[in-house]
């Protein structure tokens, strides 16, 4: 390969600058990656434990419901903790309590199990803590790497997340088979040490002067005043609520691809592969002048890929289209993060990031419900294709309603 070819290849790959140039971000990134692997162990073990106890998919689904309540409560409280306290100290506290929750999961497993209500209670507590911890960590990124490198940092977080998502289920299954569910819980508890280490040596991150950020609902009010922020959050809801096809994978597999377990598993692999490609080849995303416009384009590509997946005549074209769609969606996350973080002043960043976190959390479950409902009224294919088409229409409507999001300027200020 020529030097020019190598340079072009490097330009495609994820920008490693935040890891190379920021020791603090590098330590935080590594700690979060290891802790996420441990968190996947608990998620796997909890689902399996509840199913073994009850034999009911409904009771397993209730885990998501009991986790939604605390998440919503944290966000509706204004998410003000992130803006009111030192973010480093706040995340150290939440990480310590989360480690204790994981230890309680392990204790009950060693004791022979706990009542279903206790498992639900621990899951709800865990979700509430993550709703504080996650946005606080996201709000740290601009201080650690600078606003101009937020997109690269988010892409690197996406890369580690998709890697964990690809390998964790198989690893968790092997660990549970070898040492039982309690070993999964123990590993999660131990990996919190990596998260705490990543946080411990970060610089202090005291809150910015409060000024106008005193208001409890200022995050919602700021989004309402900012067309760019409103468009960014609506674009995410458009992509997830209207487009997520994963709930229909079993039905699509049975209807069109023979219903074999191996093909069903490959559909999940296509999603993970697309996420890895989208984050691993995110280099050009950091050089896009108008991330708002790019965000709507990538949302449209996600919708087109989902619709194409639903119409594909054979399995491997469907696999490729699903992977391409997920890659586009992963890129959307990067563009949205750049748009949101660049538009928000420091004194209110925590509250807006918490609302952004809620949008990401609720969008996927709502999308699964929407696709299931449409499939029941029509067919699985109609559920997938109509969702993809609706995503593209939604992107056009957002572009029409919020022209500021695609306006050519020096960056996404988003402030009126």
Protein backbone atom coordinates (compact mmCIF):
# COMPACT_ATOMS: atom_id res chain seq x y z
CA UNK A 1 0.00 0.00 0.00
CA UNK A 2 1.29 3.47 -0.90
CA UNK A 3 1.82 6.19 1.68
CA UNK A 4 -1.24 8.03 0.36
CA UNK A 5 -3.29 4.88 0.75
CA UNK A 6 -2.08 4.44 4.32
CA UNK A 7 -2.93 8.05 5.09
CA UNK A 8 -6.43 7.57 3.71
CA UNK A 9 -6.90 4.44 5.77
CA UNK A 10 -5.78 6.22 8.94
CA UNK A 11 -8.20 9.03 8.17
CA UNK A 12 -11.07 6.52 8.17
CA UNK A 13 -10.19 4.96 11.51
CA UNK A 14 -11.44 6.26 14.84
CA UNK A 15 -9.48 9.25 16.11
CA UNK A 16 -7.30 8.00 18.97
CA UNK A 17 -6.26 11.52 19.90
CA UNK A 18 -8.30 11.67 23.13
CA UNK A 19 -6.66 8.45 24.35
CA UNK A 20 -3.21 9.51 23.24
CA UNK A 21 -3.28 13.11 24.48
CA UNK A 22 -5.39 12.95 27.63
CA UNK A 23 -4.09 10.69 30.38
CA UNK A 24 -7.23 11.37 32.40
CA UNK A 25 -9.59 10.37 29.58
CA UNK A 26 -7.49 7.30 28.83
CA UNK A 27 -7.73 6.11 32.43
CA UNK A 28 -11.46 6.83 32.57
CA UNK A 29 -12.04 5.03 29.25
CA UNK A 30 -10.17 1.89 30.32
CA UNK A 31 -11.89 1.80 33.70
CA UNK A 32 -15.31 2.22 32.14
CA UNK A 33 -14.64 -0.51 29.56
CA UNK A 34 -13.67 -3.06 32.21
CA UNK A 35 -16.55 -2.06 34.44
CA UNK A 36 -18.99 -2.33 31.51
CA UNK A 37 -17.84 -5.90 30.95
CA UNK A 38 -18.62 -6.63 34.58
CA UNK A 39 -21.99 -4.89 34.29
CA UNK A 40 -22.84 -7.15 31.37
CA UNK A 41 -22.15 -10.13 33.64
CA UNK A 42 -24.78 -8.94 36.13
CA UNK A 43 -27.29 -8.13 33.38
CA UNK A 44 -26.90 -11.65 32.00
CA UNK A 45 -27.05 -13.32 35.40
CA UNK A 46 -30.10 -11.36 36.58
CA UNK A 47 -32.15 -12.26 33.51
CA UNK A 48 -31.21 -15.92 33.82
CA UNK A 49 -31.85 -16.02 37.57
CA UNK A 50 -35.32 -14.47 37.25
CA UNK A 51 -36.21 -16.84 34.42
CA UNK A 52 -35.04 -19.88 36.38
CA UNK A 53 -37.06 -18.75 39.40
CA UNK A 54 -40.29 -18.01 37.54
CA UNK A 55 -40.15 -19.67 34.12
CA UNK A 56 -41.90 -16.53 32.88
CA UNK A 57 -40.76 -14.21 30.11
CA UNK A 58 -43.19 -11.63 31.50
CA UNK A 59 -41.37 -11.62 34.83
CA UNK A 60 -38.08 -11.21 32.98
CA UNK A 61 -39.58 -8.28 31.08
CA UNK A 62 -40.57 -6.73 34.40
CA UNK A 63 -36.88 -6.08 35.06
CA UNK A 64 -36.96 -3.36 32.43
CA UNK A 65 -40.15 -1.91 33.87
CA UNK A 66 -38.84 -1.66 37.43
CA UNK A 67 -35.65 -0.07 36.10
CA UNK A 68 -37.55 2.54 34.10
CA UNK A 69 -39.20 4.12 37.14
CA UNK A 70 -36.03 5.23 38.97
CA UNK A 71 -34.49 6.44 35.72
CA UNK A 72 -37.51 8.62 35.01
CA UNK A 73 -37.58 9.88 38.60
CA UNK A 74 -33.94 11.00 38.42
CA UNK A 75 -34.49 12.87 35.17
CA UNK A 76 -37.74 14.50 36.30
CA UNK A 77 -35.96 15.72 39.39
CA UNK A 78 -34.00 17.93 37.02
CA UNK A 79 -30.78 15.94 37.00
CA UNK A 80 -29.35 18.74 39.11
CA UNK A 81 -26.86 16.67 41.09
CA UNK A 82 -24.46 16.66 38.15
CA UNK A 83 -24.45 20.47 38.07
CA UNK A 84 -24.54 20.98 41.83
CA UNK A 85 -21.64 18.81 42.96
CA UNK A 86 -18.10 18.04 41.89
CA UNK A 87 -18.60 15.46 39.12
CA UNK A 88 -15.54 13.46 40.08
CA UNK A 89 -16.71 13.08 43.67
CA UNK A 90 -20.27 12.37 42.55
CA UNK A 91 -19.23 9.52 40.27
CA UNK A 92 -16.87 8.13 42.91
CA UNK A 93 -19.83 7.99 45.30
CA UNK A 94 -22.19 6.40 42.78
CA UNK A 95 -19.54 3.89 41.68
CA UNK A 96 -18.97 2.87 45.29
CA UNK A 97 -22.69 2.35 45.90
CA UNK A 98 -23.07 0.48 42.60
CA UNK A 99 -20.23 -1.83 43.66
CA UNK A 100 -22.11 -2.46 46.90
CA UNK A 101 -25.28 -3.30 44.94
CA UNK A 102 -23.32 -5.79 42.82
CA UNK A 103 -21.91 -7.28 46.02
CA UNK A 104 -25.48 -7.72 47.34
CA UNK A 105 -26.39 -9.56 44.13
CA UNK A 106 -23.41 -11.86 44.77
CA UNK A 107 -24.33 -12.37 48.43
CA UNK A 108 -27.87 -13.43 47.63
CA UNK A 109 -26.60 -15.83 44.97
CA UNK A 110 -24.18 -17.45 47.45
CA UNK A 111 -27.05 -17.64 49.98
CA UNK A 112 -29.18 -19.63 47.59
CA UNK A 113 -31.16 -16.80 46.04
CA UNK A 114 -33.42 -13.96 47.14
CA UNK A 115 -37.15 -13.27 46.76
CA UNK A 116 -38.17 -11.90 43.39
CA UNK A 117 -39.16 -8.59 44.98
CA UNK A 118 -35.63 -8.20 46.40
CA UNK A 119 -34.07 -8.81 42.97
CA UNK A 120 -36.40 -6.22 41.46
CA UNK A 121 -35.48 -3.79 44.23
CA UNK A 122 -31.77 -4.18 43.60
CA UNK A 123 -32.32 -3.76 39.86
CA UNK A 124 -34.33 -0.57 40.47
CA UNK A 125 -31.66 0.84 42.80
CA UNK A 126 -28.98 0.03 40.25
CA UNK A 127 -30.90 1.81 37.47
CA UNK A 128 -31.41 4.91 39.58
CA UNK A 129 -27.71 5.11 40.39
CA UNK A 130 -26.72 4.62 36.75
CA UNK A 131 -29.05 7.50 35.84
CA UNK A 132 -26.88 9.76 37.98
CA UNK A 133 -23.53 8.15 37.21
CA UNK A 134 -23.86 7.86 33.42
CA UNK A 135 -24.76 11.50 32.61
CA UNK A 136 -22.13 12.75 35.06
CA UNK A 137 -19.45 10.74 33.23
CA UNK A 138 -20.66 12.04 29.87
CA UNK A 139 -20.62 15.61 31.15
CA UNK A 140 -16.95 15.17 32.15
CA UNK A 141 -15.81 14.56 28.59
CA UNK A 142 -15.62 18.19 27.36
CA UNK A 143 -13.45 19.14 30.35
CA UNK A 144 -11.13 16.19 29.79
CA UNK A 145 -10.63 16.40 26.02
CA UNK A 146 -12.05 19.79 24.98
CA UNK A 147 -15.31 20.46 23.17
CA UNK A 148 -13.62 20.10 19.78
CA UNK A 149 -12.79 16.45 20.51
CA UNK A 150 -16.08 15.38 22.06
CA UNK A 151 -17.07 13.51 18.90
CA UNK A 152 -13.85 11.49 18.87
CA UNK A 153 -14.20 10.67 22.57
CA UNK A 154 -17.80 9.56 22.17
CA UNK A 155 -16.83 7.38 19.20
CA UNK A 156 -14.17 5.70 21.34
CA UNK A 157 -16.75 5.08 24.07
CA UNK A 158 -19.05 3.61 21.43
CA UNK A 159 -16.22 1.37 20.21
CA UNK A 160 -15.61 -0.07 23.67
CA UNK A 161 -19.35 -0.43 24.28
CA UNK A 162 -19.97 -2.35 21.08
CA UNK A 163 -16.93 -4.55 21.72
CA UNK A 164 -18.27 -5.42 25.16
CA UNK A 165 -21.71 -6.02 23.66
CA UNK A 166 -20.23 -8.43 21.13
CA UNK A 167 -18.13 -10.54 23.50
CA UNK A 168 -19.90 -10.21 26.87
CA UNK A 169 -22.90 -12.55 26.27
CA UNK A 170 -20.66 -15.42 25.19
CA UNK A 171 -18.18 -14.78 28.03
CA UNK A 172 -21.01 -14.53 30.57
CA UNK A 173 -22.47 -17.79 29.34
CA UNK A 174 -19.14 -19.57 29.74
CA UNK A 175 -18.59 -18.11 33.21
CA UNK A 176 -22.11 -19.01 34.35
CA UNK A 177 -21.63 -22.52 33.04
CA UNK A 178 -18.30 -22.96 34.79
CA UNK A 179 -18.93 -21.18 38.09
CA UNK A 180 -22.63 -20.43 38.31
CA UNK A 181 -24.45 -17.11 38.36
CA UNK A 182 -22.75 -16.07 41.58
CA UNK A 183 -19.41 -15.90 39.77
CA UNK A 184 -20.91 -13.43 37.27
CA UNK A 185 -22.01 -11.20 40.14
CA UNK A 186 -18.59 -11.45 41.81
CA UNK A 187 -16.81 -10.42 38.60
CA UNK A 188 -19.06 -7.37 38.30
CA UNK A 189 -18.23 -6.38 41.88
CA UNK A 190 -14.50 -6.76 41.31
CA UNK A 191 -14.45 -4.81 38.04
CA UNK A 192 -15.79 -1.74 39.82
CA UNK A 193 -12.25 -1.36 41.13
CA UNK A 194 -11.24 -0.43 37.57
CA UNK A 195 -13.97 2.20 37.38
CA UNK A 196 -12.96 3.68 40.72
CA UNK A 197 -9.29 3.70 39.69
CA UNK A 198 -10.20 5.53 36.49
CA UNK A 199 -12.00 8.20 38.50
CA UNK A 200 -9.70 8.46 41.49
CA UNK A 201 -6.87 10.38 39.80
CA UNK A 202 -9.04 12.69 37.72
CA UNK A 203 -8.77 16.41 38.46
CA UNK A 204 -11.46 18.01 40.57
CA UNK A 205 -14.52 19.03 38.55
CA UNK A 206 -16.37 21.56 40.70
CA UNK A 207 -19.67 22.94 39.41
CA UNK A 208 -19.60 26.05 37.28
CA UNK A 209 -21.01 29.26 38.77
CA UNK A 210 -24.71 28.63 39.05
CA UNK A 211 -26.09 31.89 37.66
CA UNK A 212 -29.16 31.05 35.62
CA UNK A 213 -28.66 27.33 36.25
CA UNK A 214 -30.35 27.60 39.68
CA UNK A 215 -33.73 26.49 38.29
CA UNK A 216 -34.68 22.87 38.81
CA UNK A 217 -36.24 22.61 35.35
CA UNK A 218 -33.69 24.75 33.59
CA UNK A 219 -32.50 21.81 31.49
CA UNK A 220 -35.94 21.32 29.93
CA UNK A 221 -36.37 25.09 29.51
CA UNK A 222 -33.00 25.42 27.80
CA UNK A 223 -33.84 22.66 25.32
CA UNK A 224 -37.17 24.32 24.57
CA UNK A 225 -35.33 27.56 23.76
CA UNK A 226 -32.72 25.81 21.61
CA UNK A 227 -33.91 24.53 18.20
CA UNK A 228 -30.65 22.69 17.61
CA UNK A 229 -30.90 20.74 20.88
CA UNK A 230 -34.59 20.02 20.37
CA UNK A 231 -33.87 18.71 16.88
CA UNK A 232 -31.01 16.53 18.12
CA UNK A 233 -33.14 14.84 20.79
CA UNK A 234 -36.10 14.45 18.44
CA UNK A 235 -33.80 12.86 15.86
CA UNK A 236 -32.78 10.23 18.40
CA UNK A 237 -36.40 9.51 19.30
CA UNK A 238 -37.24 9.33 15.60
CA UNK A 239 -34.48 6.78 14.98
CA UNK A 240 -35.22 4.60 18.01
CA UNK A 241 -38.99 4.75 18.50
CA UNK A 242 -39.80 4.36 14.81
CA UNK A 243 -36.88 2.29 13.59
CA UNK A 244 -35.64 -0.29 16.13
CA UNK A 245 -36.31 -3.74 14.57
CA UNK A 246 -34.73 -6.06 17.15
CA UNK A 247 -37.99 -7.19 18.78
CA UNK A 248 -39.04 -8.60 15.41
CA UNK A 249 -35.88 -10.60 14.76
CA UNK A 250 -37.39 -13.94 15.85
CA UNK A 251 -40.54 -13.40 13.75
CA UNK A 252 -38.59 -12.18 10.69
CA UNK A 253 -36.22 -15.13 11.05
CA UNK A 254 -39.14 -17.57 11.20
CA UNK A 255 -41.09 -15.92 8.39
CA UNK A 256 -38.31 -15.41 5.87
CA UNK A 257 -35.07 -17.16 6.84
CA UNK A 258 -36.16 -20.63 7.91
CA UNK A 259 -36.36 -20.03 11.65
CA UNK A 260 -32.98 -21.61 12.43
CA UNK A 261 -31.36 -20.54 15.72
CA UNK A 262 -28.05 -19.90 13.99
CA UNK A 263 -29.56 -17.34 11.61
CA UNK A 264 -31.30 -15.62 14.52
CA UNK A 265 -27.99 -15.36 16.32
CA UNK A 266 -26.36 -13.94 13.20
CA UNK A 267 -28.89 -11.10 13.14
CA UNK A 268 -27.60 -10.04 16.56
CA UNK A 269 -24.07 -10.39 15.23
CA UNK A 270 -24.94 -8.06 12.34
CA UNK A 271 -26.03 -5.39 14.82
CA UNK A 272 -22.81 -5.69 16.84
CA UNK A 273 -20.69 -5.75 13.68
CA UNK A 274 -22.37 -2.61 12.38
CA UNK A 275 -21.77 -0.86 15.70
CA UNK A 276 -18.09 -1.78 15.62
CA UNK A 277 -17.74 -0.59 12.02
CA UNK A 278 -19.54 2.68 12.70
CA UNK A 279 -17.40 3.51 15.71
CA UNK A 280 -14.15 2.05 14.37
CA UNK A 281 -14.41 3.98 11.08
CA UNK A 282 -15.53 7.23 12.71
CA UNK A 283 -12.48 9.29 11.72
CA UNK A 284 -14.30 11.42 9.10
CA UNK A 285 -17.07 12.22 11.61
CA UNK A 286 -14.71 14.45 13.57
CA UNK A 287 -14.02 16.59 10.51
CA UNK A 288 -17.63 17.27 9.51
CA UNK A 289 -18.32 21.01 9.54
CA UNK A 290 -22.06 20.74 10.19
CA UNK A 291 -22.77 17.85 12.59
CA UNK A 292 -26.47 18.73 12.73
CA UNK A 293 -26.94 18.15 9.02
CA UNK A 294 -24.77 15.02 9.17
CA UNK A 295 -26.88 13.73 12.06
CA UNK A 296 -30.10 13.93 10.01
CA UNK A 297 -28.39 12.31 7.01
CA UNK A 298 -27.17 9.40 9.14
CA UNK A 299 -30.64 9.03 10.72
CA UNK A 300 -32.07 8.77 7.20
CA UNK A 301 -29.46 6.17 6.26
CA UNK A 302 -30.41 4.18 9.37
CA UNK A 303 -34.06 4.27 8.30
CA UNK A 304 -33.19 3.27 4.73
CA UNK A 305 -31.06 0.38 5.98
CA UNK A 306 -33.83 -0.88 8.28
CA UNK A 307 -36.38 -0.73 5.47
CA UNK A 308 -33.93 -2.49 3.15
CA UNK A 309 -33.38 -5.19 5.77
CA UNK A 310 -37.14 -5.78 5.83
CA UNK A 311 -37.32 -6.05 2.04
CA UNK A 312 -34.13 -8.03 1.40
CA UNK A 313 -34.79 -11.14 -0.71
CA UNK A 314 -32.27 -13.39 1.06
CA UNK A 315 -30.46 -13.69 4.38
CA UNK A 316 -27.00 -12.34 3.53
CA UNK A 317 -28.25 -9.14 1.85
CA UNK A 318 -30.45 -8.65 4.93
CA UNK A 319 -27.40 -9.22 7.16
CA UNK A 320 -25.37 -6.63 5.23
CA UNK A 321 -28.14 -4.03 5.26
CA UNK A 322 -28.71 -4.49 8.99
CA UNK A 323 -25.00 -4.03 9.69
CA UNK A 324 -24.87 -0.94 7.46
CA UNK A 325 -27.95 0.51 9.18
CA UNK A 326 -26.42 0.03 12.62
CA UNK A 327 -23.17 1.62 11.47
CA UNK A 328 -25.15 4.68 10.37
CA UNK A 329 -27.00 4.76 13.68
CA UNK A 330 -23.72 4.58 15.61
CA UNK A 331 -22.46 7.56 13.63
CA UNK A 332 -25.68 9.39 14.50
CA UNK A 333 -24.82 9.04 18.18
CA UNK A 334 -21.44 10.71 17.57
CA UNK A 335 -22.98 13.62 15.66
CA UNK A 336 -25.70 14.06 18.28
CA UNK A 337 -23.13 14.16 21.08
CA UNK A 338 -21.14 16.84 19.27
CA UNK A 339 -24.31 18.86 18.66
CA UNK A 340 -25.52 18.58 22.26
CA UNK A 341 -22.22 19.15 24.06
CA UNK A 342 -21.22 22.10 21.87
CA UNK A 343 -24.59 23.80 22.35
CA UNK A 344 -24.79 23.62 26.14
CA UNK A 345 -23.07 25.98 28.61
CA UNK A 346 -21.05 24.33 31.36
CA UNK A 347 -23.30 25.41 34.23
CA UNK A 348 -26.23 23.44 32.84
CA UNK A 349 -24.42 20.63 31.02
CA UNK A 350 -25.29 18.00 33.60
CA UNK A 351 -29.04 18.56 33.42
CA UNK A 352 -29.18 18.56 29.63
CA UNK A 353 -26.95 15.47 29.47
CA UNK A 354 -29.30 13.72 31.91
CA UNK A 355 -32.27 14.46 29.63
CA UNK A 356 -30.26 13.20 26.66
CA UNK A 357 -29.55 10.05 28.67
CA UNK A 358 -33.28 9.54 29.30
CA UNK A 359 -34.05 9.86 25.59
CA UNK A 360 -31.53 7.12 24.86
CA UNK A 361 -32.88 4.87 27.62
CA UNK A 362 -36.59 5.09 26.75
CA UNK A 363 -36.26 5.18 22.96
CA UNK A 364 -35.31 1.54 22.45
CA UNK A 365 -38.07 -0.01 24.64
CA UNK A 366 -40.66 2.23 23.01
CA UNK A 367 -39.33 1.23 19.60
CA UNK A 368 -39.64 -2.45 20.46
CA UNK A 369 -43.22 -1.93 21.59
CA UNK A 370 -44.08 0.06 18.46
CA UNK A 371 -42.66 -2.55 16.11
CA UNK A 372 -44.40 -5.37 17.95
CA UNK A 373 -47.74 -3.58 17.80
CA UNK A 374 -47.45 -2.87 14.07
CA UNK A 375 -46.38 -6.45 13.42
CA UNK A 376 -49.42 -7.74 15.31
CA UNK A 377 -51.74 -5.52 13.29
CA UNK A 378 -50.02 -6.37 10.01
CA UNK A 379 -46.96 -8.59 9.69
CA UNK A 380 -43.32 -8.62 10.85
CA UNK A 381 -42.17 -7.37 7.45
CA UNK A 382 -44.65 -4.49 7.56
CA UNK A 383 -43.46 -3.67 11.08
CA UNK A 384 -39.83 -3.37 9.94
CA UNK A 385 -40.34 -1.67 6.57
CA UNK A 386 -42.90 0.85 7.82
CA UNK A 387 -40.59 1.73 10.70
CA UNK A 388 -37.64 2.41 8.42
CA UNK A 389 -39.78 4.53 6.09
CA UNK A 390 -41.20 6.46 9.04
CA UNK A 391 -37.67 7.25 10.26
CA UNK A 392 -36.80 8.85 6.91
CA UNK A 393 -40.02 10.87 6.89
CA UNK A 394 -39.34 11.93 10.47
CA UNK A 395 -35.86 13.19 9.55
CA UNK A 396 -37.36 15.30 6.76
CA UNK A 397 -39.96 16.74 9.15
CA UNK A 398 -37.27 17.63 11.70
CA UNK A 399 -35.26 19.33 8.95
CA UNK A 400 -38.37 21.32 7.94
CA UNK A 401 -39.41 22.23 11.49
CA UNK A 402 -35.91 23.11 12.76
CA UNK A 403 -33.98 24.66 9.85
CA UNK A 404 -31.34 25.94 12.29
CA UNK A 405 -30.01 22.41 12.76
CA UNK A 406 -28.69 22.29 9.20
CA UNK A 407 -27.74 25.95 8.82
CA UNK A 408 -24.16 26.59 7.72
CA UNK A 409 -22.28 28.28 10.52
CA UNK A 410 -19.10 27.99 12.54
CA UNK A 411 -20.50 25.29 14.79
CA UNK A 412 -23.65 24.18 16.50
CA UNK A 413 -24.21 26.94 19.04
CA UNK A 414 -27.86 26.10 19.37
CA UNK A 415 -28.57 29.22 21.47
CA UNK A 416 -31.25 31.70 20.60
